[in-house]
Amino acid sequence: MTRNVYGALVLNTDQLMFVDVDRKEQPKAASGGGGFLGSLFGKPKAPEPAPADDQIEVIRRVAERHGLSARLYETAAGYRVIVTSAPFKAGTNETEVLLAEFQADPLYMRLCRLQESFRARLTPKPFRIEYANPPVEFPFETPADQAKHDRWVAGYDAKSAPFATCRLMETIGPAVVLPEFDEMIRFHDHETKANRPLVLA
């Protein structure tokens, strides 16, 4: 587990493949619920499920062609895939080819290669929930910096509560999950609120 530069929690794995796929046509709004005024005067409303598009079909075909079981999630900007039936190593030729076939985000592929791990953001991007980025950067130089960061985390957690990071859409293939992946997938789904009807952020 790490916290990225804008404060979101990230799950890092060495063999459980996550795939980040950006939607070709971005939605007009990810936060829903009427934006800032909606957040003041009522809870955000969960949006209608996104209509199926060609990218979903690409993801299904790639998984089926390679005989993989996968879980498909919707995110605020596209899709997330978890390959559950086989281990992979970030940065290898096999992995790079498969990520490219899934049409993974190039920046995501580069990060996986550089960090030699797969990544999945567990909590919302602050700008999507109308919250500021962290006021100080790690490592903290003084106890006061640590205290500022702790206050930011408390506010961020409270502001994040009505939002989910992804939503489980379907299981592709025969639903095989390697035993060593089961706990991480359950942790991912719990932390992202993937099975709750919340606004994606």
N, C-alpha and C. Protein backbone atom coordinates (compact mmCIF):
# COMPACT_ATOMS: atom_id res chain seq x y z
N MET A 1 0.84 -1.18 0.00
CA MET A 1 0.00 0.00 0.00
C MET A 1 0.89 1.24 0.00
N THR A 2 0.57 2.19 -0.87
CA THR A 2 1.26 3.47 -0.89
C THR A 2 0.22 4.57 -1.03
N ARG A 3 0.66 5.82 -0.84
CA ARG A 3 -0.20 6.98 -1.08
C ARG A 3 0.47 7.79 -2.18
N ASN A 4 -0.27 8.07 -3.27
CA ASN A 4 0.37 8.74 -4.39
C ASN A 4 0.50 10.25 -4.15
N VAL A 5 1.01 10.95 -5.16
CA VAL A 5 1.37 12.36 -4.97
C VAL A 5 0.17 13.23 -4.63
N TYR A 6 -1.04 12.85 -5.08
CA TYR A 6 -2.22 13.65 -4.73
C TYR A 6 -3.02 13.03 -3.60
N GLY A 7 -2.43 12.05 -2.89
CA GLY A 7 -3.00 11.60 -1.63
C GLY A 7 -3.86 10.37 -1.66
N ALA A 8 -4.16 9.82 -2.83
CA ALA A 8 -5.00 8.63 -2.90
C ALA A 8 -4.21 7.39 -2.51
N LEU A 9 -4.89 6.43 -1.89
CA LEU A 9 -4.25 5.16 -1.54
C LEU A 9 -4.16 4.27 -2.77
N VAL A 10 -3.05 3.57 -2.90
CA VAL A 10 -2.79 2.72 -4.06
C VAL A 10 -2.35 1.34 -3.58
N LEU A 11 -2.97 0.31 -4.16
CA LEU A 11 -2.56 -1.07 -3.92
C LEU A 11 -1.54 -1.46 -4.97
N ASN A 12 -0.38 -1.94 -4.54
CA ASN A 12 0.70 -2.34 -5.45
C ASN A 12 0.89 -3.85 -5.34
N THR A 13 0.90 -4.55 -6.47
CA THR A 13 1.03 -6.01 -6.46
C THR A 13 2.14 -6.44 -7.40
N ASP A 14 2.76 -7.56 -7.08
CA ASP A 14 3.86 -8.00 -7.93
C ASP A 14 3.45 -9.07 -8.93
N GLN A 15 2.27 -9.72 -8.76
CA GLN A 15 1.84 -10.77 -9.69
C GLN A 15 0.38 -10.66 -10.10
N LEU A 16 -0.44 -10.00 -9.30
CA LEU A 16 -1.85 -9.83 -9.64
C LEU A 16 -1.97 -8.67 -10.61
N MET A 17 -2.35 -8.99 -11.86
CA MET A 17 -2.39 -7.97 -12.90
C MET A 17 -3.64 -7.11 -12.83
N PHE A 18 -3.41 -5.80 -12.67
CA PHE A 18 -4.45 -4.80 -12.85
C PHE A 18 -4.21 -4.12 -14.19
N VAL A 19 -5.29 -3.79 -14.89
CA VAL A 19 -5.20 -3.11 -16.18
C VAL A 19 -6.07 -1.87 -16.12
N ASP A 20 -5.49 -0.72 -16.40
CA ASP A 20 -6.20 0.56 -16.40
C ASP A 20 -6.48 0.94 -17.85
N VAL A 21 -7.77 1.01 -18.22
CA VAL A 21 -8.17 1.32 -19.60
C VAL A 21 -9.00 2.60 -19.58
N ASP A 22 -8.53 3.64 -20.25
CA ASP A 22 -9.27 4.90 -20.32
C ASP A 22 -10.37 4.80 -21.37
N ARG A 23 -11.53 5.36 -21.04
CA ARG A 23 -12.63 5.44 -22.00
C ARG A 23 -12.24 6.43 -23.09
N LYS A 24 -12.49 6.07 -24.34
CA LYS A 24 -12.09 6.95 -25.44
C LYS A 24 -12.84 8.26 -25.42
N GLU A 25 -14.13 8.23 -25.08
CA GLU A 25 -14.90 9.46 -24.92
C GLU A 25 -15.18 9.63 -23.45
N GLN A 26 -14.54 10.65 -22.83
CA GLN A 26 -14.66 10.84 -21.39
C GLN A 26 -16.06 11.35 -21.05
N PRO A 27 -16.62 10.89 -19.90
CA PRO A 27 -17.91 11.43 -19.46
C PRO A 27 -17.78 12.91 -19.09
N LYS A 28 -18.89 13.63 -19.19
CA LYS A 28 -18.86 15.06 -18.91
C LYS A 28 -18.64 15.35 -17.43
N ALA A 29 -19.12 14.51 -16.56
CA ALA A 29 -18.94 14.73 -15.13
C ALA A 29 -18.78 13.40 -14.43
N ALA A 30 -17.82 13.35 -13.51
CA ALA A 30 -17.58 12.10 -12.79
C ALA A 30 -18.15 12.14 -11.38
N SER A 31 -18.34 13.33 -10.84
CA SER A 31 -18.75 13.41 -9.44
C SER A 31 -20.25 13.27 -9.25
N GLY A 32 -21.05 13.67 -10.24
CA GLY A 32 -22.50 13.52 -10.14
C GLY A 32 -23.08 14.38 -9.02
N GLY A 33 -24.38 14.22 -8.78
CA GLY A 33 -25.01 14.86 -7.64
C GLY A 33 -25.03 16.36 -7.69
N GLY A 34 -24.87 16.99 -8.85
CA GLY A 34 -24.99 18.43 -8.92
C GLY A 34 -23.74 19.19 -8.54
N GLY A 35 -22.58 18.53 -8.53
CA GLY A 35 -21.32 19.23 -8.25
C GLY A 35 -21.28 19.78 -6.83
N PHE A 36 -20.69 20.98 -6.69
CA PHE A 36 -20.47 21.53 -5.35
C PHE A 36 -21.78 21.78 -4.63
N LEU A 37 -22.77 22.37 -5.32
CA LEU A 37 -24.05 22.64 -4.67
C LEU A 37 -24.74 21.35 -4.26
N GLY A 38 -24.61 20.33 -5.13
CA GLY A 38 -25.20 19.05 -4.78
C GLY A 38 -24.57 18.46 -3.53
N SER A 39 -23.24 18.64 -3.38
CA SER A 39 -22.57 18.11 -2.20
C SER A 39 -22.97 18.86 -0.94
N LEU A 40 -23.41 20.13 -1.09
CA LEU A 40 -23.84 20.91 0.07
C LEU A 40 -25.25 20.54 0.51
N PHE A 41 -26.14 20.33 -0.44
CA PHE A 41 -27.56 20.21 -0.11
C PHE A 41 -28.12 18.80 -0.25
N GLY A 42 -27.31 17.83 -0.51
CA GLY A 42 -27.82 16.48 -0.58
C GLY A 42 -26.74 15.49 -0.94
N LYS A 43 -27.02 14.22 -0.73
CA LYS A 43 -26.05 13.19 -1.08
C LYS A 43 -25.97 13.04 -2.59
N PRO A 44 -24.77 12.73 -3.12
CA PRO A 44 -24.66 12.53 -4.56
C PRO A 44 -25.51 11.35 -5.01
N LYS A 45 -26.09 11.47 -6.17
CA LYS A 45 -26.85 10.36 -6.73
C LYS A 45 -25.94 9.49 -7.59
N ALA A 46 -26.12 8.18 -7.46
CA ALA A 46 -25.33 7.27 -8.29
C ALA A 46 -25.80 7.40 -9.73
N PRO A 47 -24.86 7.48 -10.68
CA PRO A 47 -25.25 7.64 -12.08
C PRO A 47 -25.80 6.35 -12.66
N GLU A 48 -26.47 6.49 -13.79
CA GLU A 48 -26.90 5.30 -14.51
C GLU A 48 -25.67 4.55 -15.02
N PRO A 49 -25.74 3.21 -15.10
CA PRO A 49 -24.59 2.46 -15.62
C PRO A 49 -24.22 2.93 -17.02
N ALA A 50 -22.93 2.99 -17.30
CA ALA A 50 -22.47 3.43 -18.61
C ALA A 50 -22.88 2.41 -19.68
N PRO A 51 -23.30 2.86 -20.85
CA PRO A 51 -23.66 1.93 -21.91
C PRO A 51 -22.44 1.14 -22.38
N ALA A 52 -22.68 -0.07 -22.85
CA ALA A 52 -21.59 -0.89 -23.36
C ALA A 52 -20.93 -0.21 -24.55
N ASP A 53 -19.62 -0.37 -24.68
CA ASP A 53 -18.94 0.21 -25.82
C ASP A 53 -17.93 -0.79 -26.38
N ASP A 54 -17.25 -0.38 -27.45
CA ASP A 54 -16.34 -1.28 -28.13
C ASP A 54 -15.18 -1.72 -27.24
N GLN A 55 -14.77 -0.87 -26.31
CA GLN A 55 -13.64 -1.23 -25.45
C GLN A 55 -13.97 -2.42 -24.55
N ILE A 56 -15.21 -2.51 -24.10
CA ILE A 56 -15.60 -3.66 -23.30
C ILE A 56 -15.49 -4.94 -24.12
N GLU A 57 -15.91 -4.87 -25.36
CA GLU A 57 -15.81 -6.04 -26.24
C GLU A 57 -14.35 -6.41 -26.47
N VAL A 58 -13.49 -5.41 -26.62
CA VAL A 58 -12.05 -5.69 -26.77
C VAL A 58 -11.53 -6.42 -25.55
N ILE A 59 -11.86 -5.94 -24.37
CA ILE A 59 -11.41 -6.57 -23.13
C ILE A 59 -11.89 -8.01 -23.05
N ARG A 60 -13.16 -8.24 -23.36
CA ARG A 60 -13.69 -9.62 -23.33
C ARG A 60 -12.95 -10.53 -24.31
N ARG A 61 -12.73 -10.03 -25.53
CA ARG A 61 -12.09 -10.86 -26.55
C ARG A 61 -10.65 -11.19 -26.18
N VAL A 62 -9.94 -10.22 -25.63
CA VAL A 62 -8.54 -10.46 -25.24
C VAL A 62 -8.47 -11.52 -24.15
N ALA A 63 -9.31 -11.38 -23.13
CA ALA A 63 -9.31 -12.36 -22.05
C ALA A 63 -9.66 -13.75 -22.56
N GLU A 64 -10.67 -13.83 -23.41
CA GLU A 64 -11.10 -15.13 -23.94
C GLU A 64 -10.04 -15.74 -24.85
N ARG A 65 -9.39 -14.90 -25.67
CA ARG A 65 -8.36 -15.39 -26.59
C ARG A 65 -7.19 -16.02 -25.84
N HIS A 66 -6.86 -15.46 -24.67
CA HIS A 66 -5.73 -15.98 -23.89
C HIS A 66 -6.17 -16.97 -22.82
N GLY A 67 -7.47 -17.30 -22.78
CA GLY A 67 -7.96 -18.26 -21.80
C GLY A 67 -7.87 -17.76 -20.37
N LEU A 68 -8.09 -16.45 -20.16
CA LEU A 68 -7.94 -15.85 -18.85
C LEU A 68 -9.29 -15.60 -18.18
N SER A 69 -9.33 -15.75 -16.88
CA SER A 69 -10.46 -15.28 -16.10
C SER A 69 -10.15 -13.86 -15.64
N ALA A 70 -11.14 -12.99 -15.67
CA ALA A 70 -10.91 -11.60 -15.31
C ALA A 70 -12.16 -10.99 -14.71
N ARG A 71 -11.95 -9.96 -13.92
CA ARG A 71 -13.04 -9.17 -13.36
C ARG A 71 -12.98 -7.79 -14.02
N LEU A 72 -14.13 -7.33 -14.52
CA LEU A 72 -14.22 -6.06 -15.21
C LEU A 72 -14.96 -5.05 -14.34
N TYR A 73 -14.34 -3.90 -14.15
CA TYR A 73 -14.92 -2.82 -13.34
C TYR A 73 -15.06 -1.57 -14.18
N GLU A 74 -16.06 -0.77 -13.86
CA GLU A 74 -16.18 0.58 -14.42
C GLU A 74 -15.47 1.55 -13.48
N THR A 75 -14.75 2.53 -14.03
CA THR A 75 -14.16 3.61 -13.24
C THR A 75 -14.73 4.94 -13.73
N ALA A 76 -14.36 6.01 -13.07
CA ALA A 76 -14.87 7.33 -13.48
C ALA A 76 -14.43 7.69 -14.89
N ALA A 77 -13.27 7.20 -15.32
CA ALA A 77 -12.73 7.57 -16.63
C ALA A 77 -12.62 6.41 -17.59
N GLY A 78 -13.09 5.22 -17.21
CA GLY A 78 -12.97 4.08 -18.12
C GLY A 78 -13.23 2.77 -17.42
N TYR A 79 -12.24 1.87 -17.48
CA TYR A 79 -12.43 0.52 -16.98
C TYR A 79 -11.18 0.04 -16.25
N ARG A 80 -11.38 -0.91 -15.34
CA ARG A 80 -10.28 -1.60 -14.66
C ARG A 80 -10.51 -3.10 -14.83
N VAL A 81 -9.44 -3.79 -15.16
CA VAL A 81 -9.49 -5.24 -15.31
C VAL A 81 -8.55 -5.86 -14.28
N ILE A 82 -9.01 -6.92 -13.61
CA ILE A 82 -8.13 -7.72 -12.76
C ILE A 82 -8.08 -9.12 -13.36
N VAL A 83 -6.88 -9.57 -13.74
CA VAL A 83 -6.70 -10.93 -14.26
C VAL A 83 -6.51 -11.85 -13.06
N THR A 84 -7.44 -12.77 -12.85
CA THR A 84 -7.49 -13.55 -11.61
C THR A 84 -6.96 -14.97 -11.72
N SER A 85 -6.74 -15.45 -12.94
CA SER A 85 -6.46 -16.88 -13.13
C SER A 85 -5.00 -17.20 -13.40
N ALA A 86 -4.13 -16.19 -13.50
CA ALA A 86 -2.72 -16.45 -13.80
C ALA A 86 -1.86 -15.30 -13.26
N PRO A 87 -0.66 -15.61 -12.80
CA PRO A 87 0.25 -14.55 -12.35
C PRO A 87 1.01 -13.95 -13.52
N PHE A 88 1.33 -12.67 -13.39
CA PHE A 88 2.14 -11.98 -14.40
C PHE A 88 3.18 -11.13 -13.68
N LYS A 89 4.23 -10.80 -14.39
CA LYS A 89 5.29 -9.95 -13.86
C LYS A 89 5.33 -8.66 -14.66
N ALA A 90 5.20 -7.53 -13.98
CA ALA A 90 5.22 -6.23 -14.67
C ALA A 90 6.56 -6.03 -15.37
N GLY A 91 6.48 -5.49 -16.60
CA GLY A 91 7.68 -5.15 -17.34
C GLY A 91 8.20 -6.21 -18.27
N THR A 92 7.68 -7.44 -18.20
CA THR A 92 8.13 -8.49 -19.11
C THR A 92 7.47 -8.31 -20.47
N ASN A 93 8.06 -8.92 -21.48
CA ASN A 93 7.49 -8.83 -22.83
C ASN A 93 6.07 -9.37 -22.87
N GLU A 94 5.85 -10.51 -22.21
CA GLU A 94 4.52 -11.12 -22.19
C GLU A 94 3.49 -10.15 -21.61
N THR A 95 3.86 -9.52 -20.51
CA THR A 95 2.95 -8.58 -19.85
C THR A 95 2.71 -7.34 -20.70
N GLU A 96 3.76 -6.80 -21.29
CA GLU A 96 3.62 -5.61 -22.12
C GLU A 96 2.69 -5.87 -23.31
N VAL A 97 2.85 -7.03 -23.93
CA VAL A 97 2.00 -7.38 -25.07
C VAL A 97 0.54 -7.50 -24.63
N LEU A 98 0.31 -8.15 -23.49
CA LEU A 98 -1.07 -8.34 -23.03
C LEU A 98 -1.70 -7.01 -22.64
N LEU A 99 -0.97 -6.15 -21.94
CA LEU A 99 -1.51 -4.84 -21.59
C LEU A 99 -1.86 -4.03 -22.83
N ALA A 100 -1.01 -4.11 -23.84
CA ALA A 100 -1.28 -3.40 -25.09
C ALA A 100 -2.53 -3.95 -25.77
N GLU A 101 -2.71 -5.26 -25.74
CA GLU A 101 -3.91 -5.86 -26.33
C GLU A 101 -5.17 -5.39 -25.61
N PHE A 102 -5.08 -5.25 -24.30
CA PHE A 102 -6.22 -4.75 -23.52
C PHE A 102 -6.46 -3.25 -23.77
N GLN A 103 -5.54 -2.59 -24.48
CA GLN A 103 -5.58 -1.14 -24.72
C GLN A 103 -5.41 -0.36 -23.42
N ALA A 104 -4.46 -0.83 -22.61
CA ALA A 104 -4.17 -0.16 -21.34
C ALA A 104 -3.65 1.24 -21.57
N ASP A 105 -3.89 2.12 -20.61
CA ASP A 105 -3.40 3.49 -20.67
C ASP A 105 -1.86 3.48 -20.73
N PRO A 106 -1.27 4.16 -21.71
CA PRO A 106 0.20 4.15 -21.85
C PRO A 106 0.94 4.63 -20.61
N LEU A 107 0.41 5.63 -19.92
CA LEU A 107 1.06 6.10 -18.70
C LEU A 107 1.05 5.01 -17.63
N TYR A 108 -0.06 4.31 -17.53
CA TYR A 108 -0.15 3.20 -16.57
C TYR A 108 0.89 2.13 -16.91
N MET A 109 1.01 1.79 -18.19
CA MET A 109 1.99 0.80 -18.60
C MET A 109 3.40 1.24 -18.24
N ARG A 110 3.69 2.51 -18.43
CA ARG A 110 5.04 3.02 -18.13
C ARG A 110 5.31 2.95 -16.62
N LEU A 111 4.33 3.30 -15.80
CA LEU A 111 4.51 3.22 -14.36
C LEU A 111 4.74 1.79 -13.90
N CYS A 112 3.97 0.86 -14.45
CA CYS A 112 4.16 -0.55 -14.10
C CYS A 112 5.57 -1.02 -14.45
N ARG A 113 6.04 -0.58 -15.61
CA ARG A 113 7.37 -0.98 -16.06
C ARG A 113 8.45 -0.41 -15.14
N LEU A 114 8.33 0.89 -14.83
CA LEU A 114 9.34 1.55 -14.01
C LEU A 114 9.36 1.03 -12.58
N GLN A 115 8.17 0.78 -12.03
CA GLN A 115 8.07 0.37 -10.63
C GLN A 115 8.06 -1.14 -10.45
N GLU A 116 8.02 -1.86 -11.57
CA GLU A 116 8.03 -3.33 -11.56
C GLU A 116 6.90 -3.89 -10.68
N SER A 117 5.73 -3.28 -10.82
CA SER A 117 4.56 -3.75 -10.08
C SER A 117 3.31 -3.23 -10.79
N PHE A 118 2.19 -3.88 -10.49
CA PHE A 118 0.89 -3.40 -10.95
C PHE A 118 0.30 -2.51 -9.87
N ARG A 119 -0.59 -1.59 -10.29
CA ARG A 119 -1.13 -0.58 -9.37
C ARG A 119 -2.64 -0.47 -9.54
N ALA A 120 -3.32 -0.25 -8.41
CA ALA A 120 -4.76 0.00 -8.45
C ALA A 120 -5.08 1.08 -7.42
N ARG A 121 -5.59 2.21 -7.87
CA ARG A 121 -5.99 3.28 -6.95
C ARG A 121 -7.24 2.83 -6.19
N LEU A 122 -7.19 2.94 -4.86
CA LEU A 122 -8.28 2.46 -4.02
C LEU A 122 -9.25 3.56 -3.60
N THR A 123 -8.80 4.79 -3.59
CA THR A 123 -9.62 5.90 -3.09
C THR A 123 -9.70 7.00 -4.14
N PRO A 124 -10.67 7.91 -4.03
CA PRO A 124 -10.92 8.88 -5.10
C PRO A 124 -9.78 9.86 -5.34
N LYS A 125 -9.74 10.39 -6.57
CA LYS A 125 -8.87 11.51 -6.86
C LYS A 125 -9.48 12.75 -6.19
N PRO A 126 -8.69 13.51 -5.44
CA PRO A 126 -9.26 14.65 -4.70
C PRO A 126 -10.07 15.62 -5.55
N PHE A 127 -9.60 15.93 -6.78
CA PHE A 127 -10.33 16.92 -7.56
C PHE A 127 -11.72 16.45 -7.93
N ARG A 128 -11.93 15.12 -7.98
CA ARG A 128 -13.25 14.60 -8.34
C ARG A 128 -14.24 14.71 -7.18
N ILE A 129 -13.74 14.90 -5.98
CA ILE A 129 -14.63 15.07 -4.83
C ILE A 129 -14.53 16.49 -4.26
N GLU A 130 -13.95 17.38 -5.09
CA GLU A 130 -13.84 18.80 -4.74
C GLU A 130 -13.08 18.99 -3.42
N TYR A 131 -11.90 18.34 -3.38
CA TYR A 131 -11.04 18.43 -2.20
C TYR A 131 -9.62 18.75 -2.66
N ALA A 132 -8.90 19.49 -1.84
CA ALA A 132 -7.54 19.91 -2.21
C ALA A 132 -6.55 18.77 -2.13
N ASN A 133 -5.44 18.89 -2.85
CA ASN A 133 -4.34 17.94 -2.72
C ASN A 133 -3.66 18.11 -1.36
N PRO A 134 -2.85 17.14 -0.95
CA PRO A 134 -2.17 17.25 0.35
C PRO A 134 -1.35 18.53 0.45
N PRO A 135 -1.31 19.17 1.63
CA PRO A 135 -0.61 20.44 1.79
C PRO A 135 0.90 20.29 1.92
N VAL A 136 1.37 19.08 2.21
CA VAL A 136 2.81 18.84 2.36
C VAL A 136 3.16 17.54 1.67
N GLU A 137 4.43 17.42 1.26
CA GLU A 137 4.90 16.22 0.58
C GLU A 137 5.69 15.34 1.53
N PHE A 138 5.62 14.03 1.29
CA PHE A 138 6.42 13.07 2.04
C PHE A 138 7.83 13.02 1.43
N PRO A 139 8.90 12.87 2.22
CA PRO A 139 8.92 12.70 3.69
C PRO A 139 8.71 14.03 4.42
N PHE A 140 8.05 13.96 5.55
CA PHE A 140 7.73 15.16 6.32
C PHE A 140 8.96 15.62 7.09
N GLU A 141 9.23 16.91 7.02
CA GLU A 141 10.44 17.46 7.63
C GLU A 141 10.27 17.78 9.11
N THR A 142 9.05 18.06 9.54
CA THR A 142 8.81 18.47 10.93
C THR A 142 7.55 17.79 11.46
N PRO A 143 7.39 17.72 12.77
CA PRO A 143 6.14 17.22 13.35
C PRO A 143 4.92 18.03 12.89
N ALA A 144 5.13 19.32 12.65
CA ALA A 144 4.02 20.15 12.17
C ALA A 144 3.56 19.70 10.79
N ASP A 145 4.51 19.31 9.93
CA ASP A 145 4.15 18.79 8.62
C ASP A 145 3.35 17.49 8.75
N GLN A 146 3.79 16.62 9.64
CA GLN A 146 3.05 15.37 9.88
C GLN A 146 1.63 15.66 10.34
N ALA A 147 1.50 16.64 11.25
CA ALA A 147 0.17 16.99 11.75
C ALA A 147 -0.71 17.55 10.64
N LYS A 148 -0.14 18.39 9.75
CA LYS A 148 -0.91 18.90 8.61
C LYS A 148 -1.39 17.76 7.73
N HIS A 149 -0.49 16.80 7.48
CA HIS A 149 -0.86 15.66 6.65
C HIS A 149 -1.96 14.84 7.31
N ASP A 150 -1.85 14.60 8.60
CA ASP A 150 -2.86 13.80 9.31
C ASP A 150 -4.22 14.48 9.25
N ARG A 151 -4.25 15.81 9.39
CA ARG A 151 -5.52 16.53 9.28
C ARG A 151 -6.08 16.42 7.88
N TRP A 152 -5.19 16.49 6.87
CA TRP A 152 -5.65 16.36 5.49
C TRP A 152 -6.26 14.98 5.26
N VAL A 153 -5.60 13.93 5.77
CA VAL A 153 -6.11 12.56 5.58
C VAL A 153 -7.48 12.42 6.22
N ALA A 154 -7.66 12.96 7.42
CA ALA A 154 -8.96 12.86 8.09
C ALA A 154 -10.05 13.54 7.26
N GLY A 155 -9.75 14.73 6.74
CA GLY A 155 -10.73 15.42 5.90
C GLY A 155 -11.00 14.69 4.59
N TYR A 156 -9.93 14.16 4.00
CA TYR A 156 -10.05 13.42 2.74
C TYR A 156 -10.90 12.18 2.92
N ASP A 157 -10.66 11.44 4.00
CA ASP A 157 -11.44 10.23 4.25
C ASP A 157 -12.92 10.56 4.43
N ALA A 158 -13.20 11.65 5.14
CA ALA A 158 -14.60 12.05 5.35
C ALA A 158 -15.25 12.47 4.03
N LYS A 159 -14.52 13.24 3.23
CA LYS A 159 -15.06 13.70 1.95
C LYS A 159 -15.23 12.55 0.97
N SER A 160 -14.41 11.50 1.09
CA SER A 160 -14.47 10.36 0.17
C SER A 160 -15.61 9.41 0.46
N ALA A 161 -16.17 9.49 1.67
CA ALA A 161 -17.12 8.48 2.12
C ALA A 161 -18.28 8.19 1.17
N PRO A 162 -18.88 9.20 0.50
CA PRO A 162 -20.03 8.90 -0.37
C PRO A 162 -19.65 8.41 -1.77
N PHE A 163 -18.37 8.17 -2.02
CA PHE A 163 -17.92 7.86 -3.37
C PHE A 163 -17.26 6.48 -3.43
N ALA A 164 -17.33 5.87 -4.60
CA ALA A 164 -16.62 4.63 -4.90
C ALA A 164 -15.55 4.92 -5.94
N THR A 165 -14.54 4.09 -5.99
CA THR A 165 -13.47 4.26 -6.97
C THR A 165 -13.72 3.44 -8.22
N CYS A 166 -14.39 2.31 -8.09
CA CYS A 166 -14.77 1.52 -9.26
C CYS A 166 -16.01 0.70 -8.92
N ARG A 167 -16.64 0.16 -9.96
CA ARG A 167 -17.87 -0.62 -9.78
C ARG A 167 -17.75 -1.93 -10.55
N LEU A 168 -17.92 -3.05 -9.88
CA LEU A 168 -17.84 -4.35 -10.55
C LEU A 168 -18.95 -4.48 -11.58
N MET A 169 -18.56 -4.78 -12.83
CA MET A 169 -19.53 -4.93 -13.91
C MET A 169 -19.82 -6.40 -14.22
N GLU A 170 -18.77 -7.20 -14.35
CA GLU A 170 -18.98 -8.60 -14.72
C GLU A 170 -17.69 -9.40 -14.52
N THR A 171 -17.85 -10.72 -14.53
CA THR A 171 -16.73 -11.64 -14.54
C THR A 171 -16.61 -12.22 -15.93
N ILE A 172 -15.40 -12.21 -16.47
CA ILE A 172 -15.15 -12.72 -17.82
C ILE A 172 -14.47 -14.07 -17.69
N GLY A 173 -14.96 -15.05 -18.43
CA GLY A 173 -14.36 -16.38 -18.37
C GLY A 173 -14.96 -17.22 -17.26
N PRO A 174 -14.28 -18.30 -16.87
CA PRO A 174 -14.85 -19.27 -15.92
C PRO A 174 -14.74 -18.89 -14.45
N ALA A 175 -14.40 -17.66 -14.14
CA ALA A 175 -14.36 -17.16 -12.75
C ALA A 175 -13.34 -17.91 -11.89
N VAL A 176 -12.21 -18.25 -12.48
CA VAL A 176 -11.12 -18.88 -11.73
C VAL A 176 -10.32 -17.80 -11.01
N VAL A 177 -10.12 -17.99 -9.70
CA VAL A 177 -9.31 -17.07 -8.91
C VAL A 177 -8.24 -17.89 -8.21
N LEU A 178 -6.97 -17.58 -8.48
CA LEU A 178 -5.89 -18.27 -7.79
C LEU A 178 -5.98 -18.01 -6.29
N PRO A 179 -5.73 -19.03 -5.47
CA PRO A 179 -5.87 -18.86 -4.01
C PRO A 179 -5.05 -17.69 -3.46
N GLU A 180 -3.86 -17.46 -4.03
CA GLU A 180 -3.02 -16.38 -3.52
C GLU A 180 -3.56 -15.00 -3.86
N PHE A 181 -4.54 -14.91 -4.77
CA PHE A 181 -5.11 -13.63 -5.16
C PHE A 181 -6.41 -13.31 -4.43
N ASP A 182 -7.02 -14.31 -3.83
CA ASP A 182 -8.38 -14.13 -3.30
C ASP A 182 -8.46 -13.02 -2.26
N GLU A 183 -7.56 -13.01 -1.29
CA GLU A 183 -7.63 -11.99 -0.24
C GLU A 183 -7.39 -10.60 -0.79
N MET A 184 -6.44 -10.46 -1.73
CA MET A 184 -6.17 -9.14 -2.30
C MET A 184 -7.37 -8.61 -3.08
N ILE A 185 -8.05 -9.49 -3.81
CA ILE A 185 -9.22 -9.06 -4.58
C ILE A 185 -10.34 -8.63 -3.64
N ARG A 186 -10.56 -9.40 -2.58
CA ARG A 186 -11.60 -9.01 -1.62
C ARG A 186 -11.25 -7.69 -0.94
N PHE A 187 -9.97 -7.50 -0.63
CA PHE A 187 -9.53 -6.23 -0.04
C PHE A 187 -9.75 -5.09 -1.02
N HIS A 188 -9.37 -5.29 -2.28
CA HIS A 188 -9.58 -4.28 -3.32
C HIS A 188 -11.05 -3.89 -3.42
N ASP A 189 -11.92 -4.88 -3.48
CA ASP A 189 -13.34 -4.59 -3.66
C ASP A 189 -13.92 -3.86 -2.45
N HIS A 190 -13.45 -4.21 -1.27
CA HIS A 190 -13.93 -3.54 -0.06
C HIS A 190 -13.47 -2.08 -0.02
N GLU A 191 -12.19 -1.85 -0.29
CA GLU A 191 -11.63 -0.51 -0.17
C GLU A 191 -12.14 0.43 -1.28
N THR A 192 -12.39 -0.11 -2.47
CA THR A 192 -12.90 0.72 -3.56
C THR A 192 -14.42 0.86 -3.54
N LYS A 193 -15.09 0.08 -2.67
CA LYS A 193 -16.57 0.05 -2.57
C LYS A 193 -17.17 -0.41 -3.90
N ALA A 194 -16.53 -1.41 -4.49
CA ALA A 194 -16.87 -1.84 -5.85
C ALA A 194 -18.24 -2.47 -5.97
N ASN A 195 -18.83 -2.89 -4.87
CA ASN A 195 -20.15 -3.53 -4.92
C ASN A 195 -21.25 -2.66 -4.33
N ARG A 196 -20.96 -1.35 -4.20
CA ARG A 196 -21.96 -0.43 -3.66
C ARG A 196 -22.38 0.57 -4.73
N PRO A 197 -23.68 0.96 -4.75
CA PRO A 197 -24.19 1.87 -5.80
C PRO A 197 -23.87 3.33 -5.50
N LEU A 198 -22.57 3.66 -5.58
CA LEU A 198 -22.12 5.01 -5.27
C LEU A 198 -21.58 5.69 -6.51
N VAL A 199 -21.49 7.01 -6.45
CA VAL A 199 -20.88 7.79 -7.53
C VAL A 199 -19.40 7.44 -7.63
N LEU A 200 -18.91 7.31 -8.87
CA LEU A 200 -17.50 6.98 -9.10
C LEU A 200 -16.66 8.24 -9.10
N ALA A 201 -15.49 8.16 -8.46
CA ALA A 201 -14.62 9.34 -8.40
C ALA A 201 -13.16 8.91 -8.43
